[in-house]
Amino acid sequence: MSRPVRKKAARKTPAERSAEIADAARDVALEQGLYAVTLRSIAARIDVAPALVAHYEPNMDALIARTFGTIVATELVEVGSLVAPLETPRAQLAHLLDTLLDGTRDDVTVIWVEAWAMGRRNEALAQRVRDEMDDWQAFLHGIVTAGIEAGEFVTDDAASVAWQLLGMIDGLNAHALVRWGQAADRGSRLGEAVEGMLGVQRGALSGP
């Protein structure tokens, strides 16, 4: 059986080719997961030979780590821009919980879950995961601290609250991927737990 003849790849500058590969890796990850980011999948996406991808990206572990970082850092910027206009830390935190648990970001949740597993054997990825989790904790810490200063939240350890909140969000979103538990209950149950942690009135974060 004859194989289809691959068209000769258009000539591009090294910067253009690297950017094309990075974009292809991101798209593959969001559509199929981080495990699917391979030389072959990227090459197929941009219609070039795998050897050309390997020429520009000889270290796939590093490419996967950068791909993960690009995706999750973009999500943090997006979420930050959604809550920033809200007037109070309480409103920001309530909207944050709704946004992260509404199921619309499952593609990024898959990226996180796979990165935790793949990071066991990819130290570049593991380091990037740790860095991105630090950024998320700092973001949550900022909201909690602002709420304390505004008299809306009561806790003597904002950093620990941020750490616990991040863990609960990650856990519930991972559960959602396999449809464990009632989707409609996740936000309210997390809101109730955080209300207790922050000493706020029941329903302030978990109400309609």
N, C-alpha and C. Protein backbone atom coordinates (compact mmCIF):
# COMPACT_ATOMS: atom_id res chain seq x y z
N MET A 1 0.85 -1.19 0.00
CA MET A 1 0.00 0.00 0.00
C MET A 1 0.89 1.24 0.00
N SER A 2 0.62 2.12 -0.92
CA SER A 2 1.43 3.34 -1.00
C SER A 2 1.01 4.33 0.09
N ARG A 3 1.96 5.08 0.58
CA ARG A 3 1.68 6.09 1.59
C ARG A 3 1.48 7.44 0.93
N PRO A 4 0.59 8.27 1.50
CA PRO A 4 0.41 9.60 0.93
C PRO A 4 1.70 10.40 1.03
N VAL A 5 1.97 11.14 0.01
CA VAL A 5 3.19 11.95 -0.03
C VAL A 5 2.96 13.20 0.82
N ARG A 6 3.84 13.39 1.80
CA ARG A 6 3.72 14.57 2.66
C ARG A 6 4.22 15.79 1.92
N LYS A 7 3.46 16.85 1.95
CA LYS A 7 3.90 18.08 1.33
C LYS A 7 5.13 18.61 2.05
N LYS A 8 6.04 19.20 1.33
CA LYS A 8 7.22 19.78 1.94
C LYS A 8 6.79 20.94 2.84
N ALA A 9 7.28 20.94 4.07
CA ALA A 9 6.89 21.98 5.03
C ALA A 9 7.31 23.34 4.54
N ALA A 10 6.41 24.29 4.69
CA ALA A 10 6.73 25.66 4.29
C ALA A 10 7.89 26.17 5.13
N ARG A 11 8.73 26.93 4.53
CA ARG A 11 9.88 27.47 5.25
C ARG A 11 9.41 28.58 6.20
N LYS A 12 9.83 28.47 7.44
CA LYS A 12 9.49 29.47 8.44
C LYS A 12 10.72 29.79 9.26
N THR A 13 10.71 30.95 9.88
CA THR A 13 11.82 31.31 10.74
C THR A 13 11.80 30.42 11.98
N PRO A 14 12.93 30.26 12.65
CA PRO A 14 12.93 29.46 13.88
C PRO A 14 11.91 29.95 14.90
N ALA A 15 11.76 31.25 15.03
CA ALA A 15 10.79 31.79 15.98
C ALA A 15 9.36 31.42 15.58
N GLU A 16 9.06 31.51 14.30
CA GLU A 16 7.72 31.16 13.81
C GLU A 16 7.44 29.67 14.02
N ARG A 17 8.43 28.83 13.73
CA ARG A 17 8.23 27.40 13.87
C ARG A 17 8.07 27.02 15.34
N SER A 18 8.87 27.62 16.21
CA SER A 18 8.74 27.32 17.64
C SER A 18 7.38 27.73 18.17
N ALA A 19 6.90 28.90 17.74
CA ALA A 19 5.59 29.36 18.17
C ALA A 19 4.49 28.44 17.65
N GLU A 20 4.63 27.97 16.42
CA GLU A 20 3.65 27.06 15.83
C GLU A 20 3.60 25.75 16.61
N ILE A 21 4.75 25.24 16.98
CA ILE A 21 4.81 23.99 17.75
C ILE A 21 4.19 24.19 19.13
N ALA A 22 4.50 25.32 19.77
CA ALA A 22 3.93 25.60 21.09
C ALA A 22 2.42 25.70 21.03
N ASP A 23 1.90 26.37 20.00
CA ASP A 23 0.45 26.49 19.85
C ASP A 23 -0.20 25.13 19.60
N ALA A 24 0.46 24.31 18.79
CA ALA A 24 -0.07 22.98 18.50
C ALA A 24 -0.09 22.12 19.76
N ALA A 25 0.97 22.20 20.56
CA ALA A 25 1.02 21.42 21.80
C ALA A 25 -0.09 21.85 22.75
N ARG A 26 -0.32 23.15 22.83
CA ARG A 26 -1.41 23.64 23.70
C ARG A 26 -2.76 23.13 23.21
N ASP A 27 -2.99 23.20 21.91
CA ASP A 27 -4.28 22.77 21.37
C ASP A 27 -4.50 21.27 21.59
N VAL A 28 -3.47 20.48 21.36
CA VAL A 28 -3.58 19.03 21.58
C VAL A 28 -3.89 18.74 23.05
N ALA A 29 -3.20 19.43 23.95
CA ALA A 29 -3.41 19.20 25.37
C ALA A 29 -4.84 19.54 25.79
N LEU A 30 -5.36 20.65 25.32
CA LEU A 30 -6.71 21.06 25.70
C LEU A 30 -7.77 20.15 25.11
N GLU A 31 -7.51 19.62 23.93
CA GLU A 31 -8.49 18.76 23.27
C GLU A 31 -8.41 17.30 23.72
N GLN A 32 -7.18 16.82 23.99
CA GLN A 32 -7.00 15.39 24.22
C GLN A 32 -6.28 15.07 25.54
N GLY A 33 -5.78 16.08 26.22
CA GLY A 33 -5.08 15.85 27.48
C GLY A 33 -3.57 15.96 27.31
N LEU A 34 -2.89 16.10 28.44
CA LEU A 34 -1.45 16.31 28.42
C LEU A 34 -0.70 15.07 27.95
N TYR A 35 -1.25 13.89 28.23
CA TYR A 35 -0.62 12.65 27.78
C TYR A 35 -0.54 12.58 26.25
N ALA A 36 -1.42 13.29 25.57
CA ALA A 36 -1.48 13.22 24.11
C ALA A 36 -0.44 14.11 23.44
N VAL A 37 0.27 14.91 24.21
CA VAL A 37 1.28 15.80 23.63
C VAL A 37 2.53 14.99 23.33
N THR A 38 2.68 14.58 22.08
CA THR A 38 3.81 13.77 21.63
C THR A 38 4.37 14.37 20.35
N LEU A 39 5.54 13.91 19.96
CA LEU A 39 6.12 14.37 18.69
C LEU A 39 5.15 14.12 17.54
N ARG A 40 4.56 12.93 17.52
CA ARG A 40 3.68 12.58 16.41
C ARG A 40 2.40 13.41 16.38
N SER A 41 1.81 13.61 17.56
CA SER A 41 0.55 14.37 17.57
C SER A 41 0.77 15.83 17.18
N ILE A 42 1.87 16.39 17.61
CA ILE A 42 2.17 17.78 17.24
C ILE A 42 2.48 17.87 15.75
N ALA A 43 3.29 16.92 15.26
CA ALA A 43 3.64 16.92 13.84
C ALA A 43 2.39 16.79 12.97
N ALA A 44 1.47 15.90 13.38
CA ALA A 44 0.24 15.73 12.61
C ALA A 44 -0.59 17.00 12.64
N ARG A 45 -0.60 17.70 13.76
CA ARG A 45 -1.41 18.91 13.88
C ARG A 45 -0.93 20.00 12.91
N ILE A 46 0.38 20.12 12.73
CA ILE A 46 0.90 21.19 11.87
C ILE A 46 1.39 20.65 10.51
N ASP A 47 1.13 19.34 10.27
CA ASP A 47 1.43 18.71 8.99
C ASP A 47 2.91 18.81 8.61
N VAL A 48 3.75 18.36 9.54
CA VAL A 48 5.18 18.26 9.27
C VAL A 48 5.66 16.90 9.75
N ALA A 49 6.90 16.57 9.47
CA ALA A 49 7.47 15.30 9.93
C ALA A 49 7.82 15.41 11.42
N PRO A 50 7.66 14.32 12.18
CA PRO A 50 8.05 14.35 13.60
C PRO A 50 9.49 14.79 13.81
N ALA A 51 10.36 14.46 12.85
CA ALA A 51 11.77 14.85 12.99
C ALA A 51 11.93 16.37 13.02
N LEU A 52 11.06 17.08 12.32
CA LEU A 52 11.15 18.53 12.33
C LEU A 52 10.76 19.08 13.69
N VAL A 53 9.73 18.50 14.29
CA VAL A 53 9.34 18.91 15.64
C VAL A 53 10.48 18.62 16.60
N ALA A 54 11.10 17.44 16.48
CA ALA A 54 12.20 17.07 17.37
C ALA A 54 13.39 18.00 17.20
N HIS A 55 13.57 18.51 16.00
CA HIS A 55 14.69 19.45 15.77
C HIS A 55 14.50 20.71 16.60
N TYR A 56 13.27 21.20 16.66
CA TYR A 56 13.01 22.43 17.40
C TYR A 56 12.74 22.17 18.87
N GLU A 57 12.24 20.98 19.20
CA GLU A 57 11.92 20.64 20.58
C GLU A 57 12.55 19.29 20.93
N PRO A 58 13.85 19.25 21.15
CA PRO A 58 14.52 17.97 21.42
C PRO A 58 14.19 17.39 22.80
N ASN A 59 13.62 18.20 23.68
CA ASN A 59 13.30 17.75 25.04
C ASN A 59 11.80 17.83 25.24
N MET A 60 11.13 16.69 25.08
CA MET A 60 9.67 16.69 25.19
C MET A 60 9.21 16.96 26.62
N ASP A 61 9.98 16.53 27.61
CA ASP A 61 9.60 16.82 28.99
C ASP A 61 9.48 18.33 29.21
N ALA A 62 10.44 19.06 28.67
CA ALA A 62 10.42 20.52 28.82
C ALA A 62 9.24 21.13 28.07
N LEU A 63 8.94 20.61 26.88
CA LEU A 63 7.80 21.13 26.11
C LEU A 63 6.50 20.88 26.85
N ILE A 64 6.34 19.69 27.41
CA ILE A 64 5.12 19.37 28.15
C ILE A 64 4.99 20.28 29.36
N ALA A 65 6.10 20.53 30.05
CA ALA A 65 6.07 21.43 31.21
C ALA A 65 5.66 22.84 30.80
N ARG A 66 6.21 23.33 29.70
CA ARG A 66 5.84 24.67 29.24
C ARG A 66 4.39 24.73 28.79
N THR A 67 3.94 23.67 28.14
CA THR A 67 2.55 23.62 27.68
C THR A 67 1.60 23.68 28.87
N PHE A 68 1.87 22.86 29.88
CA PHE A 68 1.08 22.91 31.11
C PHE A 68 1.08 24.32 31.69
N GLY A 69 2.26 24.90 31.83
CA GLY A 69 2.36 26.23 32.43
C GLY A 69 1.58 27.28 31.67
N THR A 70 1.66 27.24 30.37
CA THR A 70 0.94 28.21 29.55
C THR A 70 -0.56 28.12 29.77
N ILE A 71 -1.07 26.89 29.80
CA ILE A 71 -2.52 26.69 29.92
C ILE A 71 -3.02 27.13 31.29
N VAL A 72 -2.37 26.69 32.34
CA VAL A 72 -2.91 26.98 33.68
C VAL A 72 -2.63 28.42 34.09
N ALA A 73 -1.53 29.01 33.63
CA ALA A 73 -1.29 30.43 33.93
C ALA A 73 -2.31 31.30 33.24
N THR A 74 -2.70 30.92 32.03
CA THR A 74 -3.74 31.67 31.31
C THR A 74 -5.06 31.60 32.06
N GLU A 75 -5.37 30.41 32.61
CA GLU A 75 -6.61 30.29 33.37
C GLU A 75 -6.60 31.19 34.59
N LEU A 76 -5.49 31.27 35.28
CA LEU A 76 -5.41 32.12 36.48
C LEU A 76 -5.63 33.58 36.12
N VAL A 77 -5.05 34.01 35.01
CA VAL A 77 -5.27 35.39 34.56
C VAL A 77 -6.75 35.62 34.24
N GLU A 78 -7.36 34.65 33.57
CA GLU A 78 -8.77 34.78 33.21
C GLU A 78 -9.65 34.86 34.45
N VAL A 79 -9.40 33.98 35.41
CA VAL A 79 -10.21 33.97 36.63
C VAL A 79 -9.98 35.26 37.41
N GLY A 80 -8.74 35.71 37.48
CA GLY A 80 -8.46 36.95 38.17
C GLY A 80 -9.20 38.13 37.57
N SER A 81 -9.28 38.16 36.24
CA SER A 81 -9.98 39.26 35.58
C SER A 81 -11.49 39.21 35.81
N LEU A 82 -12.02 38.00 36.07
CA LEU A 82 -13.46 37.87 36.34
C LEU A 82 -13.83 38.38 37.72
N VAL A 83 -12.98 38.13 38.71
CA VAL A 83 -13.34 38.50 40.08
C VAL A 83 -12.86 39.89 40.46
N ALA A 84 -11.85 40.40 39.77
CA ALA A 84 -11.28 41.70 40.15
C ALA A 84 -12.29 42.85 40.19
N PRO A 85 -13.26 42.93 39.26
CA PRO A 85 -14.19 44.07 39.29
C PRO A 85 -15.19 44.04 40.45
N LEU A 86 -15.34 42.90 41.12
CA LEU A 86 -16.32 42.80 42.20
C LEU A 86 -15.87 43.62 43.40
N GLU A 87 -16.83 44.20 44.10
CA GLU A 87 -16.51 45.23 45.08
C GLU A 87 -15.93 44.71 46.38
N THR A 88 -16.30 43.48 46.79
CA THR A 88 -15.86 43.00 48.10
C THR A 88 -15.14 41.66 47.97
N PRO A 89 -14.23 41.36 48.89
CA PRO A 89 -13.58 40.05 48.89
C PRO A 89 -14.59 38.91 49.00
N ARG A 90 -15.65 39.10 49.77
CA ARG A 90 -16.65 38.05 49.90
C ARG A 90 -17.29 37.76 48.55
N ALA A 91 -17.65 38.82 47.83
CA ALA A 91 -18.23 38.63 46.50
C ALA A 91 -17.23 37.99 45.55
N GLN A 92 -15.97 38.37 45.66
CA GLN A 92 -14.94 37.78 44.81
C GLN A 92 -14.79 36.29 45.08
N LEU A 93 -14.76 35.92 46.35
CA LEU A 93 -14.58 34.51 46.69
C LEU A 93 -15.80 33.69 46.28
N ALA A 94 -17.00 34.23 46.48
CA ALA A 94 -18.21 33.51 46.08
C ALA A 94 -18.23 33.27 44.58
N HIS A 95 -17.87 34.30 43.81
CA HIS A 95 -17.86 34.17 42.36
C HIS A 95 -16.75 33.22 41.91
N LEU A 96 -15.63 33.26 42.62
CA LEU A 96 -14.53 32.36 42.31
C LEU A 96 -14.96 30.90 42.45
N LEU A 97 -15.63 30.58 43.55
CA LEU A 97 -16.08 29.21 43.77
C LEU A 97 -17.06 28.78 42.68
N ASP A 98 -17.99 29.66 42.34
CA ASP A 98 -18.95 29.34 41.28
C ASP A 98 -18.24 29.07 39.96
N THR A 99 -17.28 29.92 39.64
CA THR A 99 -16.58 29.83 38.36
C THR A 99 -15.75 28.55 38.24
N LEU A 100 -15.07 28.19 39.31
CA LEU A 100 -14.17 27.04 39.25
C LEU A 100 -14.88 25.70 39.38
N LEU A 101 -16.14 25.73 39.83
CA LEU A 101 -16.86 24.46 40.03
C LEU A 101 -18.05 24.28 39.09
N ASP A 102 -18.17 25.15 38.08
CA ASP A 102 -19.36 25.06 37.23
C ASP A 102 -19.22 24.09 36.07
N GLY A 103 -18.06 23.44 35.95
CA GLY A 103 -17.88 22.42 34.92
C GLY A 103 -17.43 22.93 33.58
N THR A 104 -17.29 24.24 33.43
CA THR A 104 -16.90 24.79 32.12
C THR A 104 -15.39 24.75 31.90
N ARG A 105 -14.64 24.38 32.92
CA ARG A 105 -13.18 24.36 32.79
C ARG A 105 -12.63 22.94 32.94
N ASP A 106 -13.43 21.96 32.57
CA ASP A 106 -13.00 20.57 32.72
C ASP A 106 -11.76 20.27 31.87
N ASP A 107 -11.60 20.96 30.74
CA ASP A 107 -10.42 20.70 29.91
C ASP A 107 -9.15 21.06 30.67
N VAL A 108 -9.20 22.14 31.46
CA VAL A 108 -8.02 22.52 32.23
C VAL A 108 -7.87 21.61 33.45
N THR A 109 -8.98 21.16 34.02
CA THR A 109 -8.90 20.21 35.13
C THR A 109 -8.18 18.95 34.70
N VAL A 110 -8.47 18.45 33.51
CA VAL A 110 -7.77 17.28 32.99
C VAL A 110 -6.27 17.54 32.92
N ILE A 111 -5.90 18.73 32.48
CA ILE A 111 -4.48 19.09 32.39
C ILE A 111 -3.83 19.01 33.77
N TRP A 112 -4.49 19.56 34.79
CA TRP A 112 -3.96 19.50 36.15
C TRP A 112 -3.81 18.06 36.63
N VAL A 113 -4.86 17.27 36.48
CA VAL A 113 -4.83 15.90 37.00
C VAL A 113 -3.74 15.09 36.32
N GLU A 114 -3.61 15.22 35.02
CA GLU A 114 -2.58 14.47 34.33
C GLU A 114 -1.19 14.98 34.69
N ALA A 115 -1.06 16.27 34.92
CA ALA A 115 0.24 16.83 35.29
C ALA A 115 0.71 16.31 36.64
N TRP A 116 -0.21 16.16 37.60
CA TRP A 116 0.18 15.60 38.90
C TRP A 116 0.73 14.19 38.74
N ALA A 117 0.11 13.40 37.86
CA ALA A 117 0.57 12.02 37.65
C ALA A 117 1.88 12.00 36.85
N MET A 118 1.94 12.76 35.77
CA MET A 118 3.12 12.75 34.92
C MET A 118 4.33 13.37 35.60
N GLY A 119 4.07 14.28 36.53
CA GLY A 119 5.16 14.95 37.22
C GLY A 119 6.01 14.02 38.07
N ARG A 120 5.52 12.84 38.36
CA ARG A 120 6.32 11.86 39.12
C ARG A 120 7.57 11.47 38.35
N ARG A 121 7.51 11.50 37.02
CA ARG A 121 8.64 11.07 36.19
C ARG A 121 9.17 12.18 35.30
N ASN A 122 8.63 13.36 35.43
CA ASN A 122 9.07 14.51 34.63
C ASN A 122 9.32 15.66 35.60
N GLU A 123 10.56 15.83 36.01
CA GLU A 123 10.86 16.82 37.03
C GLU A 123 10.61 18.25 36.55
N ALA A 124 10.82 18.50 35.27
CA ALA A 124 10.53 19.84 34.74
C ALA A 124 9.04 20.15 34.91
N LEU A 125 8.21 19.16 34.64
CA LEU A 125 6.77 19.34 34.82
C LEU A 125 6.43 19.48 36.29
N ALA A 126 7.02 18.64 37.13
CA ALA A 126 6.74 18.71 38.57
C ALA A 126 7.07 20.09 39.13
N GLN A 127 8.19 20.65 38.70
CA GLN A 127 8.56 21.98 39.18
C GLN A 127 7.56 23.03 38.71
N ARG A 128 7.11 22.90 37.46
CA ARG A 128 6.14 23.87 36.94
C ARG A 128 4.80 23.73 37.66
N VAL A 129 4.42 22.50 37.99
CA VAL A 129 3.19 22.29 38.76
C VAL A 129 3.30 22.98 40.12
N ARG A 130 4.44 22.79 40.79
CA ARG A 130 4.62 23.43 42.09
C ARG A 130 4.56 24.95 41.98
N ASP A 131 5.19 25.48 40.94
CA ASP A 131 5.20 26.94 40.75
C ASP A 131 3.79 27.47 40.52
N GLU A 132 3.03 26.77 39.68
CA GLU A 132 1.68 27.23 39.36
C GLU A 132 0.76 27.10 40.57
N MET A 133 0.94 26.06 41.37
CA MET A 133 0.14 25.92 42.58
C MET A 133 0.49 27.02 43.58
N ASP A 134 1.76 27.38 43.65
CA ASP A 134 2.16 28.51 44.49
C ASP A 134 1.44 29.78 44.05
N ASP A 135 1.35 29.99 42.73
CA ASP A 135 0.68 31.20 42.22
C ASP A 135 -0.81 31.19 42.58
N TRP A 136 -1.44 30.02 42.46
CA TRP A 136 -2.86 29.92 42.81
C TRP A 136 -3.07 30.16 44.31
N GLN A 137 -2.18 29.59 45.12
CA GLN A 137 -2.33 29.80 46.55
C GLN A 137 -2.14 31.28 46.90
N ALA A 138 -1.18 31.93 46.24
CA ALA A 138 -0.96 33.35 46.49
C ALA A 138 -2.19 34.17 46.10
N PHE A 139 -2.82 33.79 45.00
CA PHE A 139 -4.02 34.48 44.54
C PHE A 139 -5.15 34.35 45.57
N LEU A 140 -5.38 33.12 46.02
CA LEU A 140 -6.41 32.88 47.03
C LEU A 140 -6.05 33.56 48.36
N HIS A 141 -4.79 33.50 48.71
CA HIS A 141 -4.32 34.15 49.94
C HIS A 141 -4.63 35.64 49.91
N GLY A 142 -4.44 36.25 48.74
CA GLY A 142 -4.72 37.68 48.60
C GLY A 142 -6.18 38.01 48.85
N ILE A 143 -7.08 37.19 48.33
CA ILE A 143 -8.51 37.43 48.54
C ILE A 143 -8.87 37.25 50.02
N VAL A 144 -8.36 36.20 50.63
CA VAL A 144 -8.66 35.95 52.04
C VAL A 144 -8.11 37.07 52.91
N THR A 145 -6.89 37.50 52.64
CA THR A 145 -6.28 38.58 53.42
C THR A 145 -7.07 39.87 53.28
N ALA A 146 -7.51 40.17 52.06
CA ALA A 146 -8.31 41.37 51.84
C ALA A 146 -9.62 41.29 52.62
N GLY A 147 -10.20 40.08 52.68
CA GLY A 147 -11.44 39.92 53.43
C GLY A 147 -11.24 40.11 54.92
N ILE A 148 -10.11 39.67 55.43
CA ILE A 148 -9.80 39.88 56.85
C ILE A 148 -9.66 41.38 57.13
N GLU A 149 -8.93 42.05 56.28
CA GLU A 149 -8.71 43.49 56.47
C GLU A 149 -10.01 44.27 56.35
N ALA A 150 -10.95 43.78 55.55
CA ALA A 150 -12.24 44.47 55.38
C ALA A 150 -13.24 44.08 56.47
N GLY A 151 -12.86 43.16 57.34
CA GLY A 151 -13.76 42.72 58.40
C GLY A 151 -14.80 41.72 57.94
N GLU A 152 -14.62 41.15 56.75
CA GLU A 152 -15.58 40.18 56.22
C GLU A 152 -15.24 38.74 56.62
N PHE A 153 -13.96 38.44 56.79
CA PHE A 153 -13.52 37.09 57.14
C PHE A 153 -12.81 37.13 58.49
N VAL A 154 -12.88 36.01 59.19
CA VAL A 154 -12.19 35.89 60.48
C VAL A 154 -11.34 34.63 60.48
N THR A 155 -10.04 34.80 60.48
CA THR A 155 -9.10 33.69 60.60
C THR A 155 -7.75 34.27 60.99
N ASP A 156 -6.98 33.49 61.74
CA ASP A 156 -5.64 33.94 62.10
C ASP A 156 -4.57 33.27 61.25
N ASP A 157 -4.99 32.56 60.19
CA ASP A 157 -4.02 31.89 59.31
C ASP A 157 -4.54 31.87 57.89
N ALA A 158 -4.44 33.01 57.23
CA ALA A 158 -4.96 33.13 55.87
C ALA A 158 -4.25 32.19 54.90
N ALA A 159 -2.96 31.98 55.11
CA ALA A 159 -2.20 31.11 54.21
C ALA A 159 -2.72 29.68 54.26
N SER A 160 -3.02 29.20 55.46
CA SER A 160 -3.54 27.83 55.59
C SER A 160 -4.92 27.70 54.97
N VAL A 161 -5.75 28.72 55.15
CA VAL A 161 -7.08 28.69 54.54
C VAL A 161 -6.95 28.62 53.01
N ALA A 162 -6.04 29.42 52.46
CA ALA A 162 -5.83 29.40 51.01
C ALA A 162 -5.36 28.02 50.54
N TRP A 163 -4.47 27.41 51.31
CA TRP A 163 -3.96 26.08 50.98
C TRP A 163 -5.09 25.05 51.00
N GLN A 164 -5.90 25.08 52.05
CA GLN A 164 -7.00 24.13 52.16
C GLN A 164 -8.05 24.36 51.07
N LEU A 165 -8.32 25.61 50.77
CA LEU A 165 -9.29 25.94 49.74
C LEU A 165 -8.83 25.42 48.38
N LEU A 166 -7.56 25.61 48.08
CA LEU A 166 -7.02 25.13 46.81
C LEU A 166 -7.15 23.61 46.71
N GLY A 167 -6.82 22.92 47.80
CA GLY A 167 -6.93 21.46 47.80
C GLY A 167 -8.36 20.99 47.59
N MET A 168 -9.33 21.67 48.22
CA MET A 168 -10.73 21.26 48.08
C MET A 168 -11.23 21.51 46.66
N ILE A 169 -10.85 22.64 46.08
CA ILE A 169 -11.27 22.94 44.70
C ILE A 169 -10.70 21.88 43.75
N ASP A 170 -9.41 21.59 43.90
CA ASP A 170 -8.79 20.58 43.04
C ASP A 170 -9.46 19.22 43.20
N GLY A 171 -9.72 18.84 44.45
CA GLY A 171 -10.33 17.54 44.68
C GLY A 171 -11.72 17.42 44.10
N LEU A 172 -12.55 18.43 44.31
CA LEU A 172 -13.91 18.38 43.80
C LEU A 172 -13.94 18.38 42.27
N ASN A 173 -13.05 19.14 41.66
CA ASN A 173 -13.01 19.15 40.20
C ASN A 173 -12.52 17.81 39.65
N ALA A 174 -11.58 17.17 40.35
CA ALA A 174 -11.14 15.84 39.93
C ALA A 174 -12.29 14.84 40.05
N HIS A 175 -13.08 14.94 41.13
CA HIS A 175 -14.24 14.07 41.28
C HIS A 175 -15.22 14.27 40.12
N ALA A 176 -15.36 15.51 39.70
CA ALA A 176 -16.33 15.82 38.64
C ALA A 176 -15.97 15.15 37.32
N LEU A 177 -14.69 14.91 37.09
CA LEU A 177 -14.27 14.30 35.83
C LEU A 177 -14.84 12.90 35.66
N VAL A 178 -15.06 12.21 36.78
CA VAL A 178 -15.64 10.87 36.71
C VAL A 178 -17.09 10.86 37.20
N ARG A 179 -17.65 12.07 37.28
CA ARG A 179 -19.07 12.25 37.62
C ARG A 179 -19.42 11.59 38.95
N TRP A 180 -18.53 11.75 39.95
CA TRP A 180 -18.80 11.22 41.28
C TRP A 180 -19.48 12.29 42.12
N GLY A 181 -20.61 11.96 42.72
CA GLY A 181 -21.36 12.94 43.50
C GLY A 181 -22.25 13.78 42.61
N GLN A 182 -23.09 14.56 43.24
CA GLN A 182 -24.03 15.41 42.52
C GLN A 182 -23.38 16.73 42.15
N ALA A 183 -23.36 17.02 40.86
CA ALA A 183 -22.70 18.24 40.39
C ALA A 183 -23.28 19.48 41.04
N ALA A 184 -24.59 19.50 41.23
CA ALA A 184 -25.24 20.69 41.77
C ALA A 184 -24.87 20.95 43.22
N ASP A 185 -24.37 19.92 43.91
CA ASP A 185 -24.06 20.06 45.33
C ASP A 185 -22.64 20.52 45.59
N ARG A 186 -21.77 20.42 44.60
CA ARG A 186 -20.35 20.66 44.87
C ARG A 186 -20.09 22.09 45.34
N GLY A 187 -20.67 23.05 44.64
CA GLY A 187 -20.42 24.45 45.00
C GLY A 187 -20.96 24.79 46.37
N SER A 188 -22.17 24.34 46.67
CA SER A 188 -22.77 24.69 47.95
C SER A 188 -22.03 24.02 49.10
N ARG A 189 -21.61 22.78 48.92
CA ARG A 189 -20.90 22.09 49.99
C ARG A 189 -19.54 22.72 50.25
N LEU A 190 -18.85 23.09 49.18
CA LEU A 190 -17.57 23.77 49.38
C LEU A 190 -17.79 25.12 50.02
N GLY A 191 -18.82 25.84 49.56
CA GLY A 191 -19.12 27.15 50.14
C GLY A 191 -19.39 27.06 51.63
N GLU A 192 -20.15 26.05 52.03
CA GLU A 192 -20.45 25.88 53.45
C GLU A 192 -19.19 25.60 54.26
N ALA A 193 -18.29 24.79 53.70
CA ALA A 193 -17.03 24.48 54.40
C ALA A 193 -16.18 25.74 54.55
N VAL A 194 -16.11 26.54 53.49
CA VAL A 194 -15.28 27.75 53.53
C VAL A 194 -15.90 28.79 54.45
N GLU A 195 -17.23 28.84 54.48
CA GLU A 195 -17.89 29.76 55.42
C GLU A 195 -17.48 29.46 56.86
N GLY A 196 -17.41 28.17 57.19
CA GLY A 196 -16.98 27.79 58.53
C GLY A 196 -15.53 28.16 58.79
N MET A 197 -14.68 27.98 57.77
CA MET A 197 -13.27 28.30 57.93
C MET A 197 -13.04 29.80 58.11
N LEU A 198 -13.91 30.61 57.51
CA LEU A 198 -13.71 32.06 57.52
C LEU A 198 -14.65 32.79 58.47
N GLY A 199 -15.48 32.05 59.20
CA GLY A 199 -16.34 32.68 60.18
C GLY A 199 -17.37 33.63 59.60
N VAL A 200 -17.93 33.27 58.43
CA VAL A 200 -18.93 34.14 57.83
C VAL A 200 -20.30 33.48 57.94
N GLN A 201 -21.33 34.28 57.75
CA GLN A 201 -22.71 33.81 57.89
C GLN A 201 -23.03 32.71 56.90
N ARG A 202 -23.76 31.69 57.35
CA ARG A 202 -24.15 30.58 56.48
C ARG A 202 -24.91 31.12 55.26
N GLY A 203 -24.49 30.70 54.10
CA GLY A 203 -25.11 31.14 52.86
C GLY A 203 -24.41 32.30 52.21
N ALA A 204 -23.44 32.91 52.91
CA ALA A 204 -22.74 34.06 52.33
C ALA A 204 -21.92 33.67 51.10
N LEU A 205 -21.44 32.44 51.07
CA LEU A 205 -20.66 31.96 49.93
C LEU A 205 -21.33 30.85 49.16
N SER A 206 -22.29 30.19 49.81
CA SER A 206 -22.91 29.01 49.19
C SER A 206 -24.36 29.24 48.78
N GLY A 207 -24.86 30.43 49.02
CA GLY A 207 -26.26 30.72 48.69
C GLY A 207 -26.44 30.94 47.21
N PRO A 208 -27.68 31.07 46.76
CA PRO A 208 -27.97 31.27 45.33
C PRO A 208 -27.41 32.60 44.86
